[in-house]
Amino acid sequence: MGWLNVVLLVYGLLDIGMGVLGYVNKGSVVSLIAGGVCGLIVIVSILTHKGHPRNSRIAALIVTILMMIQFGPKTFIQNQLYPSGIMFVASLAVAVCLLMGHVMGMKARKSQAAESQK
């Protein structure tokens, strides 16, 4: 399992865990459903990576962007560091990791293309 898959697995589990935490602490069924669905999408993106690498990473990136949109205002406008700030920072970090993985993959693809032309 590559480093990016490990990051996504931890993030998916964090999404699910924070959804459960929102349900337990505040009785928020919306948090439970949203956290569960987002976490499952990220975990399924890991499982489908072999067959559809681009689509799986795009799905994970969309989830991270949506989570940043959801938790950004609560973090910066309402100054909620827990749990909104944690989820915003985690989502931002995963988005950066996904973009780094994309850049690294494109470099590898270019070097393979250069090797095959020799």
C-alpha atoms as a PDB file:
ATOM      1  CA  MET A   1       0.000   0.000   0.000  1.00  0.00           C
ATOM      2  CA  GLY A   2       1.471   3.305  -1.074  1.00  0.00           C
ATOM      3  CA  TRP A   3       1.862   6.312   1.153  1.00  0.00           C
ATOM      4  CA  LEU A   4      -1.067   8.115  -0.432  1.00  0.00           C
ATOM      5  CA  ASN A   5      -3.383   5.175   0.188  1.00  0.00           C
ATOM      6  CA  VAL A   6      -2.351   5.174   3.849  1.00  0.00           C
ATOM      7  CA  VAL A   7      -3.104   8.904   4.091  1.00  0.00           C
ATOM      8  CA  LEU A   8      -6.499   8.356   2.467  1.00  0.00           C
ATOM      9  CA  LEU A   9      -7.301   5.417   4.747  1.00  0.00           C
ATOM     10  CA  VAL A  10      -6.529   7.460   7.863  1.00  0.00           C
ATOM     11  CA  TYR A  11      -8.578  10.359   6.483  1.00  0.00           C
ATOM     12  CA  GLY A  12     -11.527   8.121   5.636  1.00  0.00           C
ATOM     13  CA  LEU A  13     -11.479   6.622   9.116  1.00  0.00           C
ATOM     14  CA  LEU A  14     -11.216  10.133  10.597  1.00  0.00           C
ATOM     15  CA  ASP A  15     -14.283  11.195   8.602  1.00  0.00           C
ATOM     16  CA  ILE A  16     -16.259   8.227   9.880  1.00  0.00           C
ATOM     17  CA  GLY A  17     -15.002   8.693  13.434  1.00  0.00           C
ATOM     18  CA  MET A  18     -15.857  12.392  13.535  1.00  0.00           C
ATOM     19  CA  GLY A  19     -19.318  11.629  12.156  1.00  0.00           C
ATOM     20  CA  VAL A  20     -19.884   9.104  14.920  1.00  0.00           C
ATOM     21  CA  LEU A  21     -18.510  11.578  17.453  1.00  0.00           C
ATOM     22  CA  GLY A  22     -20.938  14.253  16.247  1.00  0.00           C
ATOM     23  CA  TYR A  23     -23.801  11.812  16.654  1.00  0.00           C
ATOM     24  CA  VAL A  24     -22.715  10.696  20.120  1.00  0.00           C
ATOM     25  CA  ASN A  25     -21.973  14.194  21.456  1.00  0.00           C
ATOM     26  CA  LYS A  26     -24.785  16.196  19.880  1.00  0.00           C
ATOM     27  CA  GLY A  27     -27.204  13.599  18.546  1.00  0.00           C
ATOM     28  CA  SER A  28     -26.551  14.836  15.006  1.00  0.00           C
ATOM     29  CA  VAL A  29     -27.814  12.244  12.546  1.00  0.00           C
ATOM     30  CA  VAL A  30     -26.598  14.503   9.714  1.00  0.00           C
ATOM     31  CA  SER A  31     -23.028  14.290  11.049  1.00  0.00           C
ATOM     32  CA  LEU A  32     -23.278  10.520  11.272  1.00  0.00           C
ATOM     33  CA  ILE A  33     -24.576  10.137   7.731  1.00  0.00           C
ATOM     34  CA  ALA A  34     -22.283  12.755   6.148  1.00  0.00           C
ATOM     35  CA  GLY A  35     -19.167  11.519   7.960  1.00  0.00           C
ATOM     36  CA  GLY A  36     -19.992   7.920   7.134  1.00  0.00           C
ATOM     37  CA  VAL A  37     -20.686   8.578   3.468  1.00  0.00           C
ATOM     38  CA  CYS A  38     -17.618  10.779   2.991  1.00  0.00           C
ATOM     39  CA  GLY A  39     -15.391   8.300   4.796  1.00  0.00           C
ATOM     40  CA  LEU A  40     -16.749   5.401   2.779  1.00  0.00           C
ATOM     41  CA  ILE A  41     -16.242   7.276  -0.500  1.00  0.00           C
ATOM     42  CA  VAL A  42     -12.603   7.890   0.409  1.00  0.00           C
ATOM     43  CA  ILE A  43     -12.073   4.258   1.445  1.00  0.00           C
ATOM     44  CA  VAL A  44     -13.784   2.973  -1.722  1.00  0.00           C
ATOM     45  CA  SER A  45     -11.508   5.258  -3.729  1.00  0.00           C
ATOM     46  CA  ILE A  46      -8.556   3.353  -2.271  1.00  0.00           C
ATOM     47  CA  LEU A  47     -10.093   0.021  -3.215  1.00  0.00           C
ATOM     48  CA  THR A  48     -10.852   1.106  -6.785  1.00  0.00           C
ATOM     49  CA  HIS A  49      -7.478   2.752  -7.367  1.00  0.00           C
ATOM     50  CA  LYS A  50      -5.969  -0.198  -9.262  1.00  0.00           C
ATOM     51  CA  GLY A  51      -8.720  -0.262 -11.881  1.00  0.00           C
ATOM     52  CA  HIS A  52      -9.479   3.450 -12.136  1.00  0.00           C
ATOM     53  CA  PRO A  53      -6.617   5.467 -10.629  1.00  0.00           C
ATOM     54  CA  ARG A  54      -7.600   8.879 -11.964  1.00  0.00           C
ATOM     55  CA  ASN A  55     -11.285   8.557 -11.091  1.00  0.00           C
ATOM     56  CA  SER A  56     -10.570   7.288  -7.596  1.00  0.00           C
ATOM     57  CA  ARG A  57      -8.220  10.144  -6.790  1.00  0.00           C
ATOM     58  CA  ILE A  58     -10.648  12.698  -8.231  1.00  0.00           C
ATOM     59  CA  ALA A  59     -13.435  11.284  -6.028  1.00  0.00           C
ATOM     60  CA  ALA A  60     -11.204  11.576  -2.953  1.00  0.00           C
ATOM     61  CA  LEU A  61     -10.221  15.126  -3.912  1.00  0.00           C
ATOM     62  CA  ILE A  62     -13.860  16.135  -4.367  1.00  0.00           C
ATOM     63  CA  VAL A  63     -14.656  14.832  -0.883  1.00  0.00           C
ATOM     64  CA  THR A  64     -11.752  16.779   0.631  1.00  0.00           C
ATOM     65  CA  ILE A  65     -12.786  19.980  -1.148  1.00  0.00           C
ATOM     66  CA  LEU A  66     -16.400  19.579  -0.022  1.00  0.00           C
ATOM     67  CA  MET A  67     -15.219  19.003   3.544  1.00  0.00           C
ATOM     68  CA  MET A  68     -13.093  22.160   3.401  1.00  0.00           C
ATOM     69  CA  ILE A  69     -16.089  24.111   2.104  1.00  0.00           C
ATOM     70  CA  GLN A  70     -18.234  22.707   4.910  1.00  0.00           C
ATOM     71  CA  PHE A  71     -15.795  23.277   7.749  1.00  0.00           C
ATOM     72  CA  GLY A  72     -13.943  26.402   6.558  1.00  0.00           C
ATOM     73  CA  PRO A  73     -16.541  28.971   7.643  1.00  0.00           C
ATOM     74  CA  LYS A  74     -17.020  27.281  11.013  1.00  0.00           C
ATOM     75  CA  THR A  75     -13.276  27.277  11.533  1.00  0.00           C
ATOM     76  CA  PHE A  76     -12.482  30.833  10.476  1.00  0.00           C
ATOM     77  CA  ILE A  77     -15.683  32.798  11.032  1.00  0.00           C
ATOM     78  CA  GLN A  78     -17.041  31.065  14.136  1.00  0.00           C
ATOM     79  CA  ASN A  79     -13.557  30.185  15.480  1.00  0.00           C
ATOM     80  CA  GLN A  80     -14.479  26.549  16.169  1.00  0.00           C
ATOM     81  CA  LEU A  81     -11.219  24.649  16.440  1.00  0.00           C
ATOM     82  CA  TYR A  82     -12.903  21.424  17.497  1.00  0.00           C
ATOM     83  CA  PRO A  83     -14.130  19.575  15.488  1.00  0.00           C
ATOM     84  CA  SER A  84     -14.375  21.977  12.533  1.00  0.00           C
ATOM     85  CA  GLY A  85     -10.760  23.131  12.651  1.00  0.00           C
ATOM     86  CA  ILE A  86      -9.473  19.578  12.866  1.00  0.00           C
ATOM     87  CA  MET A  87     -11.526  18.487   9.873  1.00  0.00           C
ATOM     88  CA  PHE A  88     -10.568  21.564   7.848  1.00  0.00           C
ATOM     89  CA  VAL A  89      -6.845  21.098   8.478  1.00  0.00           C
ATOM     90  CA  ALA A  90      -7.051  17.343   7.822  1.00  0.00           C
ATOM     91  CA  SER A  91      -8.960  17.937   4.583  1.00  0.00           C
ATOM     92  CA  LEU A  92      -6.475  20.566   3.464  1.00  0.00           C
ATOM     93  CA  ALA A  93      -3.547  18.263   4.242  1.00  0.00           C
ATOM     94  CA  VAL A  94      -5.127  15.392   2.298  1.00  0.00           C
ATOM     95  CA  ALA A  95      -5.849  17.694  -0.662  1.00  0.00           C
ATOM     96  CA  VAL A  96      -2.185  18.755  -0.682  1.00  0.00           C
ATOM     97  CA  CYS A  97      -1.121  15.094  -0.504  1.00  0.00           C
ATOM     98  CA  LEU A  98      -3.395  14.240  -3.431  1.00  0.00           C
ATOM     99  CA  LEU A  99      -1.929  17.068  -5.488  1.00  0.00           C
ATOM    100  CA  MET A 100       1.613  15.971  -4.576  1.00  0.00           C
ATOM    101  CA  GLY A 101       0.734  12.416  -5.584  1.00  0.00           C
ATOM    102  CA  HIS A 102      -0.560  13.710  -8.911  1.00  0.00           C
ATOM    103  CA  VAL A 103       2.637  15.660  -9.584  1.00  0.00           C
ATOM    104  CA  MET A 104       4.789  12.677  -8.629  1.00  0.00           C
ATOM    105  CA  GLY A 105       2.713  10.390 -10.857  1.00  0.00           C
ATOM    106  CA  MET A 106       3.020  12.752 -13.814  1.00  0.00           C
ATOM    107  CA  LYS A 107       6.807  12.938 -13.361  1.00  0.00           C
ATOM    108  CA  ALA A 108       6.998   9.145 -13.280  1.00  0.00           C
ATOM    109  CA  ARG A 109       4.850   8.897 -16.399  1.00  0.00           C
ATOM    110  CA  LYS A 110       7.039  11.390 -18.261  1.00  0.00           C
ATOM    111  CA  SER A 111      10.223   9.568 -17.291  1.00  0.00           C
ATOM    112  CA  GLN A 112       8.724   6.243 -18.425  1.00  0.00           C
ATOM    113  CA  ALA A 113       7.744   7.806 -21.743  1.00  0.00           C
ATOM    114  CA  ALA A 114      11.269   9.162 -22.175  1.00  0.00           C
ATOM    115  CA  GLU A 115      12.767   5.748 -21.385  1.00  0.00           C
ATOM    116  CA  SER A 116      10.503   3.966 -23.865  1.00  0.00           C
ATOM    117  CA  GLN A 117      11.477   6.382 -26.664  1.00  0.00           C
ATOM    118  CA  LYS A 118      15.184   5.607 -26.282  1.00  0.00           C
END
